[in-house]
Protein backbone atom coordinates (compact mmCIF):
# COMPACT_ATOMS: atom_id res chain seq x y z
CA MET A 1 130.71 119.06 99.63
CA LYS A 2 131.67 115.56 98.46
CA ASP A 3 134.22 115.04 101.24
CA ARG A 4 131.75 116.27 103.84
CA LEU A 5 129.05 113.92 102.52
CA LEU A 6 131.41 110.95 102.64
CA GLN A 7 132.39 111.84 106.20
CA VAL A 8 128.82 112.33 107.46
CA PHE A 9 127.41 109.23 105.79
CA SER A 10 130.31 107.11 107.02
CA SER A 11 129.66 108.21 110.60
CA TYR A 12 126.17 106.65 110.25
CA ASP A 13 127.57 103.47 108.72
CA ILE A 14 126.40 104.35 105.20
CA ASP A 15 128.81 103.60 102.37
CA LEU A 16 128.93 106.25 99.66
CA ASN A 17 131.23 106.17 96.64
CA GLN A 18 132.69 109.14 94.77
CA THR A 19 130.13 108.94 91.96
CA GLN A 20 127.25 108.98 94.42
CA ALA A 21 128.80 111.86 96.37
CA GLN A 22 129.05 113.81 93.11
CA GLN A 23 125.39 113.12 92.36
CA PHE A 24 124.42 114.46 95.78
CA GLU A 25 126.51 117.57 95.21
CA ASP A 26 124.96 118.16 91.78
CA TYR A 27 121.52 117.63 93.28
CA TYR A 28 122.26 120.18 95.98
CA LYS A 29 123.51 122.81 93.53
CA TYR A 30 120.51 122.40 91.25
CA LEU A 31 118.06 122.42 94.17
CA VAL A 32 119.45 125.68 95.52
CA GLU A 33 119.45 127.29 92.07
CA VAL A 34 115.85 126.35 91.25
CA ASN A 35 114.73 127.19 94.79
CA LYS A 36 115.43 130.88 94.11
CA ASN A 37 112.33 130.99 91.91
CA LEU A 38 110.36 127.95 93.06
CA ASN A 39 109.69 127.38 96.73
CA LEU A 40 110.94 123.81 97.08
CA THR A 41 112.50 123.93 100.54
CA ALA A 42 113.23 126.34 103.38
CA ILE A 43 116.43 124.43 104.08
CA THR A 44 119.23 125.57 101.76
CA GLU A 45 122.47 125.82 103.76
CA GLU A 46 124.88 123.07 102.72
CA GLU A 47 125.34 121.52 106.15
CA ASP A 48 121.61 121.61 106.86
CA VAL A 49 120.76 119.95 103.54
CA ILE A 50 123.31 117.22 104.17
CA TYR A 51 121.78 116.33 107.53
CA LYS A 52 118.13 117.33 107.26
CA HIS A 53 117.43 116.20 103.69
CA PHE A 54 120.11 113.86 102.35
CA LEU A 55 121.08 111.86 105.43
CA ASP A 56 117.54 111.91 106.77
CA SER A 57 116.20 110.44 103.54
CA VAL A 58 118.57 107.48 103.51
CA LEU A 59 118.74 106.57 107.21
CA PRO A 60 116.26 103.65 106.81
CA HIS A 61 117.87 102.34 103.60
CA LYS A 62 118.44 98.86 105.05
CA MET A 63 114.68 98.39 105.39
CA PHE A 64 114.33 98.24 101.59
CA LYS A 65 114.76 94.78 100.07
CA GLN A 66 116.90 94.40 96.95
CA ASN A 67 115.21 95.66 93.76
CA ALA A 68 112.16 96.86 95.71
CA LYS A 69 109.47 98.75 93.84
CA VAL A 70 108.97 101.98 95.80
CA ILE A 71 106.49 104.87 95.71
CA ASP A 72 107.37 108.14 97.45
CA ILE A 73 104.11 109.95 98.19
CA GLY A 74 104.13 113.74 98.38
CA THR A 75 107.79 113.76 97.42
CA GLY A 76 108.09 117.54 97.02
CA ALA A 77 111.68 118.30 96.06
CA GLY A 78 112.41 114.57 95.86
CA PHE A 79 112.80 113.55 99.50
CA PRO A 80 113.33 110.77 100.37
CA GLY A 81 113.03 109.23 96.89
CA ILE A 82 115.98 110.77 95.03
CA PRO A 83 118.57 110.33 97.82
CA LEU A 84 117.41 106.72 98.20
CA LYS A 85 117.83 106.20 94.45
CA ILE A 86 121.34 107.67 94.50
CA LEU A 87 122.37 105.43 97.39
CA ARG A 88 120.43 102.37 96.19
CA PRO A 89 120.46 102.23 92.37
CA ASP A 90 118.72 98.84 92.54
CA LEU A 91 115.46 100.42 93.73
CA GLU A 92 112.69 101.15 91.21
CA ILE A 93 111.16 104.42 92.40
CA THR A 94 108.04 106.42 91.56
CA LEU A 95 108.02 110.02 92.83
CA LEU A 96 104.44 111.22 93.29
CA ASP A 97 103.53 114.88 93.70
CA SER A 98 100.41 116.94 93.08
CA LEU A 99 102.19 120.10 91.82
CA GLN A 100 103.34 120.16 88.19
CA LYS A 101 106.14 122.66 88.85
CA ARG A 102 107.72 120.29 91.35
CA VAL A 103 107.34 117.36 88.98
CA ASN A 104 109.11 119.39 86.28
CA PHE A 105 111.97 119.98 88.72
CA LEU A 106 112.08 116.28 89.57
CA ASN A 107 112.24 115.27 85.90
CA GLN A 108 115.06 117.72 85.26
CA THR A 109 116.92 116.43 88.34
CA ILE A 110 116.54 112.82 87.20
CA GLN A 111 118.01 113.76 83.83
CA LEU A 112 120.81 115.84 85.36
CA LEU A 113 121.89 113.02 87.67
CA ASN A 114 121.45 110.38 84.96
CA LEU A 115 119.24 108.25 87.19
CA LYS A 116 117.55 105.15 85.78
CA ASN A 117 114.34 103.34 86.79
CA ILE A 118 112.91 106.39 88.55
CA THR A 119 109.81 108.25 87.39
CA ALA A 120 108.14 111.48 88.51
CA VAL A 121 104.34 111.50 88.31
CA HIS A 122 102.01 114.48 88.56
CA ASP A 123 98.88 113.27 90.35
CA ARG A 124 97.06 113.23 93.65
CA ALA A 125 97.61 110.24 95.92
CA GLU A 126 93.90 109.38 95.99
CA ASP A 127 93.75 109.37 92.18
CA TYR A 128 97.01 107.70 91.10
CA VAL A 129 96.18 104.70 93.29
CA LYS A 130 93.34 103.81 90.93
CA LYS A 131 95.97 102.72 88.38
CA THR A 132 98.59 101.30 90.76
CA ARG A 133 96.71 99.86 93.70
CA GLU A 134 98.68 97.35 95.81
CA THR A 135 101.57 97.11 93.33
CA PHE A 136 104.46 98.48 95.42
CA ASP A 137 106.82 96.73 97.83
CA VAL A 138 107.40 99.92 99.81
CA ALA A 139 105.60 103.25 100.20
CA THR A 140 107.46 106.17 101.78
CA SER A 141 106.43 109.62 102.89
CA ARG A 142 108.03 112.51 104.74
CA ALA A 143 104.81 114.50 104.55
CA VAL A 144 103.82 116.48 107.61
CA ALA A 145 100.71 114.54 108.58
CA LYS A 146 99.62 112.28 111.40
CA VAL A 147 99.95 108.51 111.23
CA ASN A 148 96.22 107.95 110.65
CA THR A 149 96.20 110.32 107.66
CA LEU A 150 99.44 109.00 106.18
CA SER A 151 98.20 105.43 106.51
CA GLU A 152 95.19 106.13 104.31
CA TYR A 153 97.34 107.66 101.59
CA MET A 154 100.12 105.06 101.75
CA LEU A 155 98.75 101.60 102.53
CA PRO A 156 96.46 101.29 99.46
CA TYR A 157 99.61 101.36 97.29
CA VAL A 158 101.39 98.57 99.18
CA LYS A 159 101.08 94.94 98.17
CA ILE A 160 100.44 92.28 100.80
CA GLY A 161 103.75 91.54 102.52
CA GLY A 162 105.09 95.00 101.70
CA ILE A 163 105.68 97.91 104.05
CA ALA A 164 104.92 101.60 104.49
CA ILE A 165 107.69 103.71 106.03
CA MET A 166 106.59 106.98 107.64
CA TYR A 167 109.34 109.50 108.33
CA LYS A 168 108.54 111.31 111.56
CA SER A 169 110.40 113.98 113.50
CA LEU A 170 109.63 112.26 116.78
CA LYS A 171 107.58 109.39 118.11
CA THR A 172 104.52 110.34 120.10
CA ASN A 173 102.63 107.51 121.72
CA GLU A 174 99.40 109.47 121.41
CA GLU A 175 99.77 109.81 117.63
CA ILE A 176 100.68 106.13 117.26
CA ASN A 177 97.68 105.10 119.35
CA GLU A 178 95.39 107.35 117.33
CA GLY A 179 96.67 105.73 114.14
CA GLN A 180 96.09 102.11 115.19
CA LYS A 181 92.46 102.04 114.03
CA ALA A 182 93.32 103.43 110.60
CA ILE A 183 96.27 101.05 110.16
CA SER A 184 94.15 98.03 111.08
CA THR A 185 91.21 99.14 108.90
CA LEU A 186 93.56 99.53 105.91
CA GLY A 187 95.09 96.07 106.29
CA GLY A 188 98.28 96.92 108.14
CA LYS A 189 100.02 96.43 111.45
CA ILE A 190 102.91 98.37 112.97
CA GLU A 191 105.96 96.16 112.60
CA THR A 192 108.55 98.39 114.24
CA ILE A 193 109.36 101.96 115.18
CA GLU A 194 113.02 102.72 114.69
CA GLU A 195 114.52 105.80 116.31
CA ILE A 196 117.85 107.25 115.21
CA ASN A 197 119.48 110.15 117.03
CA VAL A 198 121.22 112.64 114.73
CA LYS A 199 123.37 114.24 117.40
CA GLU A 200 124.93 116.87 115.15
CA ILE A 201 121.59 118.63 114.73
CA ASP A 202 120.17 117.51 118.08
CA ALA A 203 117.29 115.63 116.49
CA THR A 204 115.74 112.20 116.86
CA ARG A 205 114.22 110.72 113.73
CA SER A 206 111.51 108.09 113.98
CA PHE A 207 110.61 105.64 111.23
CA VAL A 208 107.21 104.04 111.69
CA VAL A 209 107.17 100.82 109.67
CA VAL A 210 103.75 99.34 108.90
CA LYS A 211 103.50 95.84 107.42
CA LYS A 212 100.68 95.19 104.94
CA ASN A 213 98.93 91.96 105.96
CA SER A 214 95.63 92.08 104.07
CA LEU A 215 93.98 93.92 101.18
CA THR A 216 92.88 97.51 101.75
CA PRO A 217 89.11 98.00 101.26
CA LYS A 218 88.40 99.60 97.88
CA THR A 219 86.66 102.53 99.57
CA TYR A 220 90.08 103.86 100.64
CA PRO A 221 91.71 106.27 100.15
CA ARG A 222 88.81 108.69 100.27
CA GLY A 223 88.81 111.88 98.21
CA LYS A 224 87.92 115.48 99.08
CA ASN A 225 90.80 115.72 101.57
CA LEU A 226 88.90 113.47 104.00
CA PRO A 227 92.02 111.57 105.20
CA LYS A 228 93.17 114.91 106.69
CA THR A 229 89.91 116.50 107.76
CA LYS A 230 88.18 113.32 108.98
CA PRO A 231 90.82 110.66 109.61
CA ILE A 232 89.75 107.08 110.26
């Protein structure tokens, strides 16, 4: 797997050394093993994991400033946070997930890969923010939710001048337009939307980057699942 990782990453202008390639391989093996008993991902074939989880997670790595403090919201099996940490050891990363079993897996993975300055936290996004509001340089999420919902979960964590990066499977103008009110209300503005075509799996990945320009009102994020059921 290491040679294949080096080849794939290189084709997308991403430098990976042997140690990092070994960490990715160890991550893959452990993920597949644990996944037999804990439903972490439906994607388990080696080639699919390389493209759809590992490569996908690190495609926007150049958007992260050196030594950035990052929170990965709804990280699940650790995507994109753990691949980003492997590729960019300088990043200080918090992995946030609401399911204790997944957090246990994340902690074991961190130990297995000997990763430093990365922490897995068991909490809900609307609760953990009470302790860490506007303290992160970057918030990331690959969660399957619309821009308006993601904005409410992500932007309260981001300090002024920081960014939120939303991983999307495709850019839809309708969804972006729907999200503009929420983004503005929460103190942000869309800075860029970067699209990268992953030709090997016939997929276009979109990264919606929102710049935090002003403080988020303290009333956000709302609880009781309101960001999903009644988005701004």
